[in-house]
Amino acid sequence: KKYLIYLLESNVVEVVFIGGVVLIMGPELLPVLA
């Protein structure tokens, strides 16, 4: 159960990080990340 919570938290951090990068660098980077 702890592993699942860890996986969920790391996933949220990853999504927030990628979202922040896209906001800062611009939407033209989206095809590169996809």
PDB file of N, CA and C in Angstrom:
ATOM      1  N   LYS A   1       0.845  -1.208   0.000  1.00  0.00           N
ATOM      2  CA  LYS A   1       0.000   0.000   0.000  1.00  0.00           C
ATOM      3  C   LYS A   1       0.877   1.254   0.000  1.00  0.00           C
ATOM      4  N   LYS A   2       1.965   1.211   0.742  1.00  0.00           N
ATOM      5  CA  LYS A   2       2.866   2.374   0.766  1.00  0.00           C
ATOM      6  C   LYS A   2       3.478   2.607  -0.615  1.00  0.00           C
ATOM      7  N   TYR A   3       3.780   1.493  -1.309  1.00  0.00           N
ATOM      8  CA  TYR A   3       4.365   1.606  -2.641  1.00  0.00           C
ATOM      9  C   TYR A   3       3.405   2.297  -3.598  1.00  0.00           C
ATOM     10  N   LEU A   4       2.107   1.965  -3.454  1.00  0.00           N
ATOM     11  CA  LEU A   4       1.088   2.559  -4.320  1.00  0.00           C
ATOM     12  C   LEU A   4       1.011   4.065  -4.096  1.00  0.00           C
ATOM     13  N   ILE A   5       1.070   4.470  -2.818  1.00  0.00           N
ATOM     14  CA  ILE A   5       1.023   5.903  -2.484  1.00  0.00           C
ATOM     15  C   ILE A   5       2.258   6.602  -3.054  1.00  0.00           C
ATOM     16  N   TYR A   6       3.423   5.944  -2.938  1.00  0.00           N
ATOM     17  CA  TYR A   6       4.660   6.513  -3.472  1.00  0.00           C
ATOM     18  C   TYR A   6       4.556   6.682  -4.983  1.00  0.00           C
ATOM     19  N   LEU A   7       4.005   5.673  -5.647  1.00  0.00           N
ATOM     20  CA  LEU A   7       3.841   5.713  -7.101  1.00  0.00           C
ATOM     21  C   LEU A   7       2.923   6.866  -7.490  1.00  0.00           C
ATOM     22  N   LEU A   8       1.834   7.040  -6.726  1.00  0.00           N
ATOM     23  CA  LEU A   8       0.869   8.099  -7.001  1.00  0.00           C
ATOM     24  C   LEU A   8       1.520   9.468  -6.837  1.00  0.00           C
ATOM     25  N   GLU A   9       2.291   9.637  -5.743  1.00  0.00           N
ATOM     26  CA  GLU A   9       2.926  10.933  -5.474  1.00  0.00           C
ATOM     27  C   GLU A   9       3.953  11.268  -6.543  1.00  0.00           C
ATOM     28  N   SER A  10       4.770  10.283  -6.933  1.00  0.00           N
ATOM     29  CA  SER A  10       5.789  10.531  -7.951  1.00  0.00           C
ATOM     30  C   SER A  10       5.130  10.869  -9.281  1.00  0.00           C
ATOM     31  N   ASN A  11       3.985  10.251  -9.558  1.00  0.00           N
ATOM     32  CA  ASN A  11       3.266  10.520 -10.800  1.00  0.00           C
ATOM     33  C   ASN A  11       2.743  11.952 -10.807  1.00  0.00           C
ATOM     34  N   VAL A  12       2.208  12.391  -9.664  1.00  0.00           N
ATOM     35  CA  VAL A  12       1.693  13.762  -9.551  1.00  0.00           C
ATOM     36  C   VAL A  12       2.826  14.754  -9.752  1.00  0.00           C
ATOM     37  N   VAL A  13       3.975  14.486  -9.123  1.00  0.00           N
ATOM     38  CA  VAL A  13       5.130  15.377  -9.255  1.00  0.00           C
ATOM     39  C   VAL A  13       5.570  15.446 -10.712  1.00  0.00           C
ATOM     40  N   GLU A  14       5.565  14.294 -11.379  1.00  0.00           N
ATOM     41  CA  GLU A  14       5.985  14.243 -12.784  1.00  0.00           C
ATOM     42  C   GLU A  14       5.050  15.070 -13.658  1.00  0.00           C
ATOM     43  N   VAL A  15       3.746  14.914 -13.435  1.00  0.00           N
ATOM     44  CA  VAL A  15       2.757  15.652 -14.230  1.00  0.00           C
ATOM     45  C   VAL A  15       2.896  17.154 -13.997  1.00  0.00           C
ATOM     46  N   VAL A  16       3.077  17.548 -12.731  1.00  0.00           N
ATOM     47  CA  VAL A  16       3.220  18.971 -12.396  1.00  0.00           C
ATOM     48  C   VAL A  16       4.496  19.527 -13.025  1.00  0.00           C
ATOM     49  N   PHE A  17       5.582  18.740 -12.973  1.00  0.00           N
ATOM     50  CA  PHE A  17       6.858  19.180 -13.537  1.00  0.00           C
ATOM     51  C   PHE A  17       6.741  19.384 -15.048  1.00  0.00           C
ATOM     52  N   ILE A  18       6.166  18.394 -15.730  1.00  0.00           N
ATOM     53  CA  ILE A  18       6.005  18.494 -17.188  1.00  0.00           C
ATOM     54  C   ILE A  18       5.092  19.665 -17.538  1.00  0.00           C
ATOM     55  N   GLY A  19       4.009  19.826 -16.757  1.00  0.00           N
ATOM     56  CA  GLY A  19       3.091  20.940 -16.989  1.00  0.00           C
ATOM     57  C   GLY A  19       3.792  22.278 -16.831  1.00  0.00           C
ATOM     58  N   GLY A  20       4.641  22.379 -15.810  1.00  0.00           N
ATOM     59  CA  GLY A  20       5.384  23.620 -15.578  1.00  0.00           C
ATOM     60  C   GLY A  20       6.351  23.905 -16.716  1.00  0.00           C
ATOM     61  N   VAL A  21       7.033  22.863 -17.175  1.00  0.00           N
ATOM     62  CA  VAL A  21       7.983  23.033 -18.285  1.00  0.00           C
ATOM     63  C   VAL A  21       7.251  23.504 -19.532  1.00  0.00           C
ATOM     64  N   VAL A  22       6.085  22.912 -19.800  1.00  0.00           N
ATOM     65  CA  VAL A  22       5.300  23.290 -20.981  1.00  0.00           C
ATOM     66  C   VAL A  22       4.854  24.745 -20.863  1.00  0.00           C
ATOM     67  N   LEU A  23       4.434  25.144 -19.649  1.00  0.00           N
ATOM     68  CA  LEU A  23       3.985  26.525 -19.451  1.00  0.00           C
ATOM     69  C   LEU A  23       5.137  27.506 -19.653  1.00  0.00           C
ATOM     70  N   ILE A  24       6.335  27.110 -19.190  1.00  0.00           N
ATOM     71  CA  ILE A  24       7.489  28.019 -19.261  1.00  0.00           C
ATOM     72  C   ILE A  24       8.067  28.059 -20.678  1.00  0.00           C
ATOM     73  N   MET A  25       8.265  26.878 -21.266  1.00  0.00           N
ATOM     74  CA  MET A  25       8.944  26.803 -22.560  1.00  0.00           C
ATOM     75  C   MET A  25       8.001  27.052 -23.732  1.00  0.00           C
ATOM     76  N   GLY A  26       6.735  26.747 -23.538  1.00  0.00           N
ATOM     77  CA  GLY A  26       5.772  26.973 -24.607  1.00  0.00           C
ATOM     78  C   GLY A  26       5.174  25.675 -25.120  1.00  0.00           C
ATOM     79  N   PRO A  27       3.958  25.741 -25.660  1.00  0.00           N
ATOM     80  CA  PRO A  27       3.236  24.550 -26.125  1.00  0.00           C
ATOM     81  C   PRO A  27       3.897  23.860 -27.320  1.00  0.00           C
ATOM     82  N   GLU A  28       4.831  24.516 -27.974  1.00  0.00           N
ATOM     83  CA  GLU A  28       5.457  23.898 -29.149  1.00  0.00           C
ATOM     84  C   GLU A  28       6.322  22.704 -28.748  1.00  0.00           C
ATOM     85  N   LEU A  29       6.612  22.571 -27.432  1.00  0.00           N
ATOM     86  CA  LEU A  29       7.411  21.437 -26.967  1.00  0.00           C
ATOM     87  C   LEU A  29       6.564  20.187 -26.771  1.00  0.00           C
ATOM     88  N   LEU A  30       5.249  20.332 -26.799  1.00  0.00           N
ATOM     89  CA  LEU A  30       4.358  19.199 -26.535  1.00  0.00           C
ATOM     90  C   LEU A  30       4.618  17.990 -27.439  1.00  0.00           C
ATOM     91  N   PRO A  31       4.808  18.167 -28.754  1.00  0.00           N
ATOM     92  CA  PRO A  31       5.072  16.998 -29.605  1.00  0.00           C
ATOM     93  C   PRO A  31       6.357  16.273 -29.223  1.00  0.00           C
ATOM     94  N   VAL A  32       7.311  16.988 -28.637  1.00  0.00           N
ATOM     95  CA  VAL A  32       8.574  16.357 -28.232  1.00  0.00           C
ATOM     96  C   VAL A  32       8.343  15.456 -27.030  1.00  0.00           C
ATOM     97  N   LEU A  33       7.499  15.908 -26.088  1.00  0.00           N
ATOM     98  CA  LEU A  33       7.250  15.140 -24.865  1.00  0.00           C
ATOM     99  C   LEU A  33       6.289  13.986 -25.110  1.00  0.00           C
ATOM    100  N   ALA A  34       5.410  14.147 -26.089  1.00  0.00           N
ATOM    101  CA  ALA A  34       4.371  13.134 -26.317  1.00  0.00           C
ATOM    102  C   ALA A  34       4.973  11.829 -26.850  1.00  0.00           C
TER     103      ALA A  34
END
